[in-house]
Protein backbone atom coordinates (compact mmCIF):
# COMPACT_ATOMS: atom_id res chain seq x y z
CA MET A 1 -3.26 58.58 55.39
CA LYS A 2 -2.88 61.39 57.84
CA TRP A 3 -5.25 62.63 60.40
CA ALA A 4 -5.33 66.24 61.66
CA SER A 5 -4.86 66.52 65.37
CA ALA A 6 -8.49 64.42 65.51
CA ILE A 7 -9.86 61.37 66.84
CA LEU A 8 -10.32 58.46 64.50
CA PRO A 9 -13.86 56.37 65.14
CA LEU A 10 -12.93 52.59 64.90
CA THR A 11 -16.10 50.25 64.51
CA LEU A 12 -15.70 47.13 65.47
CA ALA A 13 -18.06 44.49 64.58
CA LEU A 14 -18.79 41.72 67.30
CA ALA A 15 -18.88 38.36 65.79
CA ALA A 16 -19.77 34.72 67.37
CA ALA A 17 -17.27 32.20 67.72
CA SER A 18 -19.39 30.06 65.15
CA SER A 19 -19.57 33.27 62.57
CA ALA A 20 -23.40 32.69 62.31
CA GLY A 21 -24.46 36.22 62.72
CA LEU A 22 -22.21 39.57 62.74
CA ALA A 23 -23.53 42.86 64.37
CA ALA A 24 -21.92 45.54 64.96
CA ASP A 25 -21.42 47.13 68.38
CA LYS A 26 -20.63 50.69 69.31
CA PRO A 27 -17.95 53.09 67.46
CA ALA A 28 -14.60 53.21 69.82
CA PHE A 29 -13.24 56.70 69.49
CA TRP A 30 -9.17 56.81 69.09
CA PRO A 31 -6.61 59.55 69.24
CA GLU A 32 -4.57 60.36 65.80
CA ASP A 33 -1.73 57.96 67.17
CA TRP A 34 -4.08 54.67 66.67
CA ASP A 35 -1.65 53.13 64.27
CA ARG A 36 0.76 52.58 67.55
CA GLY A 37 -1.89 51.01 69.42
CA ARG A 38 -1.91 47.46 70.49
CA LEU A 39 -4.98 44.79 71.33
CA VAL A 40 -4.47 43.08 74.46
CA PRO A 41 -7.18 39.99 75.05
CA LEU A 42 -8.02 39.93 78.89
CA ARG A 43 -9.02 36.84 80.48
CA ASP A 44 -12.73 37.37 80.67
CA GLY A 45 -12.73 37.59 76.67
CA SER A 46 -12.66 41.49 77.00
CA ILE A 47 -10.09 42.94 74.10
CA ALA A 48 -7.73 46.36 75.69
CA LEU A 49 -6.55 48.89 73.03
CA VAL A 50 -3.73 50.49 74.31
CA GLY A 51 -2.10 53.46 73.06
CA GLY A 52 1.09 54.74 72.86
CA ASP A 53 0.02 58.45 74.18
CA PRO A 54 -0.74 56.65 76.59
CA ARG A 55 -4.73 56.09 76.39
CA LEU A 56 -7.00 52.81 77.01
CA GLN A 57 -10.06 51.53 75.76
CA ILE A 58 -11.75 48.66 76.72
CA ARG A 59 -14.29 45.98 74.78
CA SER A 60 -16.32 43.87 76.68
CA PRO A 61 -17.26 40.54 75.65
CA ALA A 62 -20.72 42.00 74.63
CA GLY A 63 -19.14 43.89 72.06
CA GLU A 64 -19.70 47.59 73.93
CA TRP A 65 -16.68 49.86 74.68
CA SER A 66 -15.72 51.51 77.68
CA PRO A 67 -14.94 55.47 77.69
CA VAL A 68 -11.49 56.10 76.69
CA VAL A 69 -9.43 56.74 79.84
CA ARG A 70 -6.20 59.04 80.00
CA LEU A 71 -3.58 57.08 81.57
CA ALA A 72 -1.75 59.50 84.43
CA LEU A 73 1.67 58.17 82.73
CA GLU A 74 4.35 59.56 80.50
CA TYR A 75 3.91 56.58 78.43
CA VAL A 76 3.43 53.03 78.61
CA ALA A 77 6.47 50.18 78.49
CA ASN A 78 4.75 47.09 79.63
CA TYR A 79 1.57 45.43 80.70
CA GLU A 80 0.05 42.07 81.03
CA ALA A 81 -3.41 40.78 81.21
CA ASP A 82 -4.73 39.70 84.84
CA ASP A 83 -7.46 37.84 86.03
CA GLN A 84 -9.17 41.22 87.07
CA GLY A 85 -8.03 43.03 84.39
CA LEU A 86 -4.83 44.35 83.25
CA LEU A 87 -1.59 45.35 84.82
CA VAL A 88 0.08 48.47 82.88
CA VAL A 89 3.99 49.78 83.68
CA GLY A 90 4.84 53.41 83.06
CA GLU A 91 6.68 56.45 83.80
CA GLU A 92 5.15 59.32 85.68
CA VAL A 93 6.16 62.93 86.43
CA GLY A 94 6.30 63.34 90.60
CA THR A 95 6.30 66.36 92.74
CA SER A 96 9.65 66.38 92.86
CA LYS A 97 10.16 66.21 88.90
CA LEU A 98 11.97 63.17 89.30
CA ARG A 99 10.42 60.38 87.03
CA GLY A 100 9.44 57.43 88.92
CA THR A 101 8.11 53.51 87.57
CA VAL A 102 4.50 52.95 88.80
CA VAL A 103 2.68 49.56 87.90
CA LEU A 104 -1.42 50.05 87.95
CA LEU A 105 -3.56 47.43 88.13
CA LEU A 106 -6.61 48.20 86.14
CA GLY A 107 -10.15 46.15 86.19
CA VAL A 108 -12.06 45.33 83.10
CA ASP A 109 -13.84 48.40 83.17
CA GLY A 110 -10.16 50.92 82.86
CA GLU A 111 -10.59 51.91 86.85
CA LYS A 112 -7.42 51.76 89.03
CA ILE A 113 -7.59 48.96 91.43
CA ASP A 114 -4.20 49.06 92.59
CA ARG A 115 -1.29 51.21 92.28
CA TRP A 116 2.63 50.19 93.36
CA GLU A 117 5.58 52.76 92.83
CA PHE A 118 9.16 52.03 92.36
CA PRO A 119 10.40 55.71 92.37
CA ASN A 120 14.05 54.76 92.12
CA ASP A 121 14.14 51.81 90.44
CA GLY A 122 12.95 50.24 86.86
CA VAL A 123 10.55 47.95 86.05
CA ARG A 124 11.73 45.83 83.67
CA SER A 125 8.87 43.26 83.65
CA VAL A 126 5.43 41.76 85.09
CA ALA A 127 3.48 38.45 85.61
CA SER A 128 0.45 37.24 86.78
CA ARG A 129 -0.88 33.88 87.70
CA ALA A 130 -3.93 33.00 89.68
CA GLY A 131 -4.49 36.18 91.28
CA ARG A 132 -0.53 36.69 92.38
CA ARG A 133 1.37 39.13 90.61
CA TRP A 134 5.22 39.67 90.12
CA ALA A 135 7.69 42.25 89.00
CA THR A 136 11.18 41.92 87.83
CA LEU A 137 13.18 44.98 88.48
CA MET A 138 16.80 46.00 88.23
CA ASN A 139 18.36 43.74 90.31
CA ARG A 140 15.98 42.15 92.03
CA MET A 141 12.03 40.46 92.01
CA VAL A 142 9.54 41.60 93.66
CA GLU A 143 6.03 40.11 94.66
CA LEU A 144 3.10 42.74 94.29
CA LEU A 145 0.96 42.73 97.40
CA PRO A 146 -2.94 44.19 97.92
CA GLY A 147 -2.43 47.91 98.74
CA GLY A 148 0.29 48.52 96.74
CA LYS A 149 2.59 46.72 98.99
CA THR A 150 5.67 44.49 98.01
CA GLU A 151 7.70 41.26 99.08
CA LEU A 152 11.11 40.55 97.96
CA VAL A 153 11.22 36.97 96.20
CA PHE A 154 15.36 37.26 94.63
CA GLN A 155 17.64 39.46 95.22
CA PRO A 156 20.00 39.58 93.25
CA LEU A 157 17.53 37.35 90.31
CA PRO A 158 18.64 33.98 89.89
CA ALA A 159 21.77 33.70 87.92
CA PRO A 160 21.37 31.19 84.71
CA PRO A 161 22.20 27.19 85.03
CA ASP A 162 25.46 27.81 83.43
CA GLY A 163 26.63 30.87 85.91
CA GLY A 164 26.16 33.69 83.11
CA SER A 165 28.83 32.60 80.73
CA GLU A 166 27.74 32.57 76.86
CA HIS A 167 30.26 31.55 74.00
CA GLY A 168 32.92 31.70 76.53
CA ARG A 169 32.68 34.73 78.02
CA LYS A 170 31.43 35.64 81.46
CA VAL A 171 28.67 38.54 80.92
CA GLN A 172 26.44 40.30 84.14
CA THR A 173 23.05 39.70 82.72
CA ARG A 174 20.91 39.30 86.14
CA THR A 175 19.99 43.12 86.18
CA SER A 176 18.37 42.94 83.07
CA ALA A 177 16.15 39.53 83.34
CA ARG A 178 12.40 39.49 82.71
CA LEU A 179 9.88 37.03 83.90
CA ARG A 180 7.97 35.22 81.76
CA MET A 181 5.52 32.65 83.72
CA GLY A 182 4.55 29.40 81.81
CA PRO A 183 0.80 28.05 82.28
CA VAL A 184 1.50 25.80 85.42
CA GLY A 185 3.74 28.94 87.04
CA GLU A 186 6.92 27.64 85.70
CA GLN A 187 9.48 30.98 86.10
CA VAL A 188 11.58 31.57 82.90
CA PHE A 189 13.78 34.42 82.87
CA CYS A 190 14.82 35.85 79.79
CA VAL A 191 17.45 38.36 78.76
CA PRO A 192 17.60 40.70 75.37
CA GLU A 193 20.92 40.54 73.42
CA GLU A 194 23.46 42.74 74.93
CA ALA A 195 26.30 43.86 72.63
CA TYR A 196 29.13 47.02 73.16
CA HIS A 197 31.91 48.34 71.23
CA GLU A 198 34.24 46.73 74.15
CA GLY A 199 33.59 43.86 76.26
CA PRO A 200 30.92 41.35 76.96
CA PHE A 201 28.67 40.52 74.16
CA HIS A 202 25.82 37.35 74.41
CA TYR A 203 23.19 36.66 72.47
CA GLY A 204 19.43 36.77 73.89
CA PHE A 205 18.29 33.82 76.07
CA CYS A 206 15.94 32.41 78.46
CA PHE A 207 16.56 29.88 81.50
CA ARG A 208 15.00 27.95 83.77
CA ASN A 209 16.46 27.20 87.43
CA ASP A 210 13.80 25.42 89.68
CA GLN A 211 12.55 21.81 89.61
CA VAL A 212 14.23 21.45 85.76
CA VAL A 213 16.77 23.36 84.60
CA TRP A 214 18.16 24.59 80.67
CA ASN A 215 19.45 27.73 79.15
CA GLU A 216 19.13 28.03 75.64
CA SER A 217 20.27 31.34 73.61
CA GLY A 218 18.81 33.04 70.00
CA THR A 219 19.62 35.81 67.78
CA TRP A 220 16.28 37.73 69.12
CA THR A 221 16.26 41.27 70.46
CA GLU A 222 12.27 40.96 71.76
CA ILE A 223 11.83 39.13 74.97
CA PRO A 224 9.57 35.92 73.66
CA LEU A 225 5.95 35.62 74.14
CA VAL A 226 4.52 32.67 76.23
CA CYS A 227 1.72 30.79 74.34
CA GLY A 228 0.17 27.89 76.03
CA ASP A 229 3.35 25.65 76.82
CA HIS A 230 5.84 27.35 74.29
CA LEU A 231 8.02 30.27 74.10
CA VAL A 232 7.85 32.20 70.82
CA GLU A 233 10.63 33.88 70.10
CA PRO A 234 11.47 36.22 67.19
CA GLU A 235 14.83 35.97 65.44
CA ARG A 236 16.97 37.95 63.28
CA TRP A 237 20.16 36.90 61.84
CA TRP A 238 22.23 38.01 58.97
CA SER A 239 23.67 36.44 55.54
CA ARG A 240 27.52 35.89 56.31
CA GLY A 241 30.04 37.48 53.63
CA THR A 242 27.37 40.06 52.18
CA TYR A 243 27.57 43.78 52.43
CA PRO A 244 24.84 45.40 52.85
CA LEU A 245 24.00 42.76 55.44
CA HIS A 246 20.94 40.71 54.57
CA TYR A 247 18.86 39.89 57.56
CA HIS A 248 16.44 36.68 58.00
CA HIS A 249 13.70 37.00 60.36
CA ARG A 250 11.47 34.21 62.00
CA ILE A 251 10.10 33.10 65.23
CA VAL A 252 11.44 29.97 66.93
CA MET A 253 8.96 27.49 68.82
CA ARG A 254 10.72 26.47 72.09
CA ARG A 255 9.20 24.15 74.70
CA ILE A 256 8.76 25.57 78.31
CA SER A 257 9.02 22.48 79.69
CA ASP A 258 12.68 21.39 78.43
CA GLY A 259 13.41 24.24 76.46
CA VAL A 260 13.91 22.48 73.25
CA LYS A 261 13.54 24.25 69.96
CA VAL A 262 10.68 22.31 68.04
CA ALA A 263 9.73 24.63 65.23
CA ALA A 264 10.42 27.65 63.17
CA ALA A 265 8.69 29.55 60.83
CA PRO A 266 9.53 32.88 58.65
CA VAL A 267 8.39 36.25 58.90
CA GLN A 268 8.87 39.61 57.81
CA PRO A 269 10.38 42.75 59.92
CA SER A 270 6.84 44.39 60.26
CA THR A 271 4.90 40.83 60.99
CA VAL A 272 3.01 41.16 64.27
CA VAL A 273 3.42 37.80 66.88
CA GLU A 274 0.90 37.31 69.33
CA CYS A 275 -0.54 34.38 70.65
CA GLY A 276 -3.60 32.55 68.70
CA ALA A 277 -5.92 29.57 69.94
CA PRO A 278 -4.46 27.10 71.90
CA GLY A 279 -1.67 25.69 70.64
CA ALA A 280 -1.12 28.15 67.96
CA VAL A 281 0.24 31.53 67.19
CA LEU A 282 -0.78 34.38 65.11
CA LEU A 283 1.29 36.14 62.28
CA ALA A 284 0.00 39.10 60.82
CA ASP A 285 1.06 41.64 57.88
CA THR A 286 -0.53 41.77 54.52
CA SER A 287 -1.76 38.76 55.52
CA VAL A 288 -3.43 36.75 58.85
CA ARG A 289 -1.61 33.35 59.35
CA ALA A 290 -2.08 30.99 62.18
CA VAL A 291 0.68 28.65 62.86
CA GLN A 292 1.02 25.61 64.96
CA LEU A 293 3.31 25.98 67.84
CA SER A 294 4.35 22.10 67.93
CA THR A 295 5.37 21.89 64.09
CA GLY A 296 5.50 25.46 62.96
CA HIS A 297 2.76 24.31 59.80
CA ARG A 298 -0.04 26.66 58.87
CA LEU A 299 -3.14 25.97 60.28
CA TRP A 300 -5.19 28.75 57.93
CA SER A 301 -4.38 32.00 56.78
CA ALA A 302 -6.57 35.05 55.19
CA PRO A 303 -5.54 38.31 53.69
CA VAL A 304 -5.95 41.65 54.98
CA ARG A 305 -8.17 43.54 53.29
CA SER A 306 -7.36 47.01 53.65
CA GLY A 307 -3.29 48.21 54.78
CA HIS A 308 -1.14 45.86 56.93
CA ALA A 309 -1.83 44.64 60.15
CA VAL A 310 -0.42 46.74 63.38
CA ALA A 311 -2.31 44.43 66.04
CA ILE A 312 -3.70 41.56 66.56
CA ALA A 313 -5.67 39.67 69.16
CA GLN A 314 -6.92 36.38 69.44
CA VAL A 315 -10.34 36.18 71.57
CA GLY A 316 -12.40 32.91 71.77
CA GLY A 317 -12.49 31.72 68.30
CA CYS A 318 -12.33 34.68 66.51
CA THR A 319 -9.52 37.02 65.42
CA THR A 320 -9.59 40.51 66.00
CA LEU A 321 -7.23 42.58 63.40
CA LEU A 322 -6.19 46.77 63.57
CA THR A 323 -4.55 47.94 60.38
CA ASN A 324 -2.80 51.04 59.91
CA HIS A 325 -5.68 52.42 57.85
CA GLY A 326 -7.93 52.01 60.84
CA THR A 327 -10.02 49.37 60.24
CA MET A 328 -10.94 46.62 62.70
CA THR A 329 -11.79 42.92 61.31
CA ASN A 330 -13.21 40.12 62.79
CA ILE A 331 -11.94 36.40 61.11
CA CYS A 332 -13.79 33.69 63.27
CA ARG A 333 -13.67 30.27 63.04
CA ASN A 334 -14.70 29.58 59.25
CA ARG A 335 -12.38 32.26 57.95
CA HIS A 336 -15.53 34.58 57.58
CA ALA A 337 -14.54 38.62 57.86
CA ASP A 338 -16.22 41.68 58.42
CA SER A 339 -14.01 45.16 58.80
CA ARG A 340 -15.37 48.35 59.10
CA GLN A 341 -13.72 51.32 57.12
CA PRO A 342 -12.85 54.61 59.11
CA GLY A 343 -15.19 57.13 59.16
CA ARG A 344 -14.76 60.91 59.47
CA ALA A 345 -12.74 62.20 62.36
CA GLY A 346 -14.19 63.56 65.31
CA PRO A 347 -13.83 65.54 68.40
CA ASN A 348 -11.56 64.75 71.43
CA PRO A 349 -13.60 62.25 73.42
């Protein structure tokens, strides 16, 4: 369904963790590219709805939506929940018409708290733990200090334990490493898959090079999620000897403590993967499933009533789902679901 240059009102029900009662909160208005939006659970129980144009709207734990905020960015490249709200990475056009990367710290009300500029470098990832923040760039890692200041942590980034070799070939991977933080501050660096017509090739891999040393690769092209004390890696591989190539998809769960792969679960190419309740990961497409991280066993499942999922988030005892038909649904601990169908398009807020 297409909506002409219009705003799609999305109404989300506020559900208590017990699902004893359901009460509708205020409507949330979103631009026509809502189907490219993402739901980000914040640490105070809020949910941030991040759009691709880019716009931002935040639902408080009480179910009230903030005004729609248009971010002064060309697009949003990355984001990370923070103790004060949300870290957002994007590109902006300066007075010199040269693109520059910035990191914004936004509060739970969507207002800007701090800002860091990187006019001559690209921010690969951001991480936040216990009031401290870091960013990895093309060849270094910095800590983000208050007042827009930075402090160098590594230059260049730490190398993998095996010196950067993969399948017997020497590869240069340190410049594209992304930082992932474990539950107690473990620093895991992940490198996406790289392939060239000529020259080095390696699968994606993650490594620790601190008190615990490990380096493990996988056939994934997206940076893994950190869910509790596990990495969740989306993998894709193909059957040998088939033409056209037949791809298989799954997620692999790996312990952060020692890098050991402990479980896997099949997914579809369009499956949305996000962290769930403690010890679980959420998979959503035409249904929603919670899968145990340590075993890969399905804990529960529920159908998607309208269309298929484009975004999902776990907040407290409820799972919030956004579909390609513009509906938002809460699925709570007793698996009761409440959905709101899209209303008529309204004016641009």
